[in-house]
Amino acid sequence: MEARAVLRYARISPRKVKIVIDLIRNKSVAEAIGIINNTPKAASEYLIKLLNSAIANATNNHNMDAEKLYVAEVYANPGPILKRIMPRAQGRAFRIRKRTSHITIVLKERQ
């Protein structure tokens, strides 16, 4: 039995999210919340909301015990890239790529 939560089109690069994701993989839910709250990264804001959503899904939809939950899988895949133009010297135009992420958290119960 597993519970999952997915955040699509998050306006943050997957590379930045993976730094925080690697800290919480295979940790208990309480420990993961503590780690995310004390990590000063932009991705922490997205991940704490997503983790709370996954916990709510597990307890309400799957009747799982919140005390036994742990982060079984967590990954960030690249989403669509928003392409913008930055004017540069001598009439040139440089491309700016604003990256997006699809973040997924899967929770399972420990036996």
Protein backbone atom coordinates (compact mmCIF):
# COMPACT_ATOMS: atom_id res chain seq x y z
CA MET A 1 0.00 0.00 0.00
CA GLU A 2 1.35 3.40 -0.93
CA ALA A 3 0.19 7.00 -0.95
CA ARG A 4 1.51 9.59 -3.33
CA ALA A 5 1.34 13.30 -4.02
CA VAL A 6 2.46 14.98 -7.25
CA LEU A 7 3.26 18.63 -7.89
CA ARG A 8 3.39 19.50 -11.57
CA TYR A 9 4.81 22.59 -13.25
CA ALA A 10 6.63 23.89 -10.15
CA ARG A 11 8.58 27.01 -11.16
CA ILE A 12 11.94 25.77 -9.88
CA SER A 13 14.73 23.88 -11.59
CA PRO A 14 14.82 20.10 -10.95
CA ARG A 15 18.52 20.42 -10.13
CA LYS A 16 17.72 22.72 -7.19
CA VAL A 17 14.94 20.42 -5.96
CA LYS A 18 17.14 17.30 -6.07
CA ILE A 19 19.51 18.81 -3.49
CA VAL A 20 16.76 18.81 -0.84
CA ILE A 21 15.11 15.61 -2.11
CA ASP A 22 18.29 13.60 -1.48
CA LEU A 23 18.19 14.64 2.18
CA ILE A 24 14.74 13.13 2.90
CA ARG A 25 14.77 9.89 0.88
CA ASN A 26 14.08 6.78 3.07
CA LYS A 27 13.51 8.90 6.19
CA SER A 28 10.45 8.74 8.45
CA VAL A 29 7.84 11.40 7.86
CA ALA A 30 8.56 13.22 11.14
CA GLU A 31 12.28 13.29 10.41
CA ALA A 32 11.69 14.46 6.82
CA ILE A 33 9.52 17.36 8.03
CA GLY A 34 12.25 18.39 10.47
CA ILE A 35 14.93 18.26 7.79
CA ILE A 36 12.88 20.28 5.29
CA ASN A 37 11.95 22.93 7.87
CA ASN A 38 15.64 23.47 8.71
CA THR A 39 16.95 23.52 5.14
CA PRO A 40 17.30 27.08 3.79
CA LYS A 41 16.54 26.31 0.14
CA ALA A 42 13.77 27.56 -2.15
CA ALA A 43 12.68 23.97 -2.84
CA SER A 44 11.85 23.45 0.86
CA GLU A 45 8.68 25.50 0.51
CA TYR A 46 7.38 23.29 -2.31
CA LEU A 47 8.43 20.05 -0.61
CA ILE A 48 6.84 20.74 2.81
CA LYS A 49 3.46 21.39 1.18
CA LEU A 50 3.80 18.31 -1.01
CA LEU A 51 4.83 16.11 1.93
CA ASN A 52 1.87 17.32 4.01
CA SER A 53 -0.42 16.55 1.06
CA ALA A 54 1.00 13.03 0.77
CA ILE A 55 0.49 12.47 4.52
CA ALA A 56 -3.13 13.64 4.21
CA ASN A 57 -3.66 11.31 1.23
CA ALA A 58 -2.24 8.38 3.19
CA THR A 59 -4.37 8.93 6.30
CA ASN A 60 -7.64 9.95 4.62
CA ASN A 61 -7.70 7.91 1.40
CA HIS A 62 -5.74 4.78 2.35
CA ASN A 63 -6.35 4.55 6.14
CA MET A 64 -2.61 4.37 6.85
CA ASP A 65 -1.06 5.18 10.24
CA ALA A 66 0.76 8.54 10.09
CA GLU A 67 3.29 7.42 12.73
CA LYS A 68 4.53 4.49 10.60
CA LEU A 69 4.92 6.38 7.31
CA TYR A 70 8.27 6.91 5.61
CA VAL A 71 9.38 8.49 2.34
CA ALA A 72 9.77 5.45 0.07
CA GLU A 73 10.31 7.33 -3.21
CA VAL A 74 10.84 10.96 -4.05
CA TYR A 75 11.96 12.35 -7.39
CA ALA A 76 11.91 15.51 -9.49
CA ASN A 77 11.61 15.28 -13.26
CA PRO A 78 11.99 18.21 -15.65
CA GLY A 79 8.82 19.85 -16.90
CA PRO A 80 8.37 22.17 -19.86
CA ILE A 81 10.90 24.98 -20.21
CA LEU A 82 9.65 28.56 -20.59
CA LYS A 83 11.87 30.28 -23.16
CA ARG A 84 12.48 34.01 -22.77
CA ILE A 85 14.73 36.52 -24.53
CA MET A 86 17.30 38.80 -22.86
CA PRO A 87 18.57 41.72 -24.99
CA ARG A 88 22.37 41.90 -25.13
CA ALA A 89 25.01 44.17 -26.64
CA GLN A 90 25.10 45.06 -30.35
CA GLY A 91 21.52 43.96 -31.02
CA ARG A 92 21.98 40.35 -30.00
CA ALA A 93 19.39 38.36 -28.10
CA PHE A 94 20.27 35.69 -25.54
CA ARG A 95 17.89 32.88 -24.63
CA ILE A 96 16.85 32.50 -20.99
CA ARG A 97 15.44 29.10 -20.02
CA LYS A 98 13.06 29.19 -17.06
CA ARG A 99 12.91 25.56 -15.98
CA THR A 100 9.97 23.80 -14.34
CA SER A 101 9.73 20.55 -12.36
CA HIS A 102 7.33 17.70 -11.75
CA ILE A 103 7.91 16.55 -8.14
CA THR A 104 6.54 13.24 -6.80
CA ILE A 105 6.55 11.90 -3.23
CA VAL A 106 5.54 8.28 -2.44
CA LEU A 107 4.91 7.26 1.18
CA LYS A 108 4.71 3.70 2.53
CA GLU A 109 4.13 2.15 5.95
CA ARG A 110 6.94 0.46 7.88
CA GLN A 111 6.15 -3.05 9.12
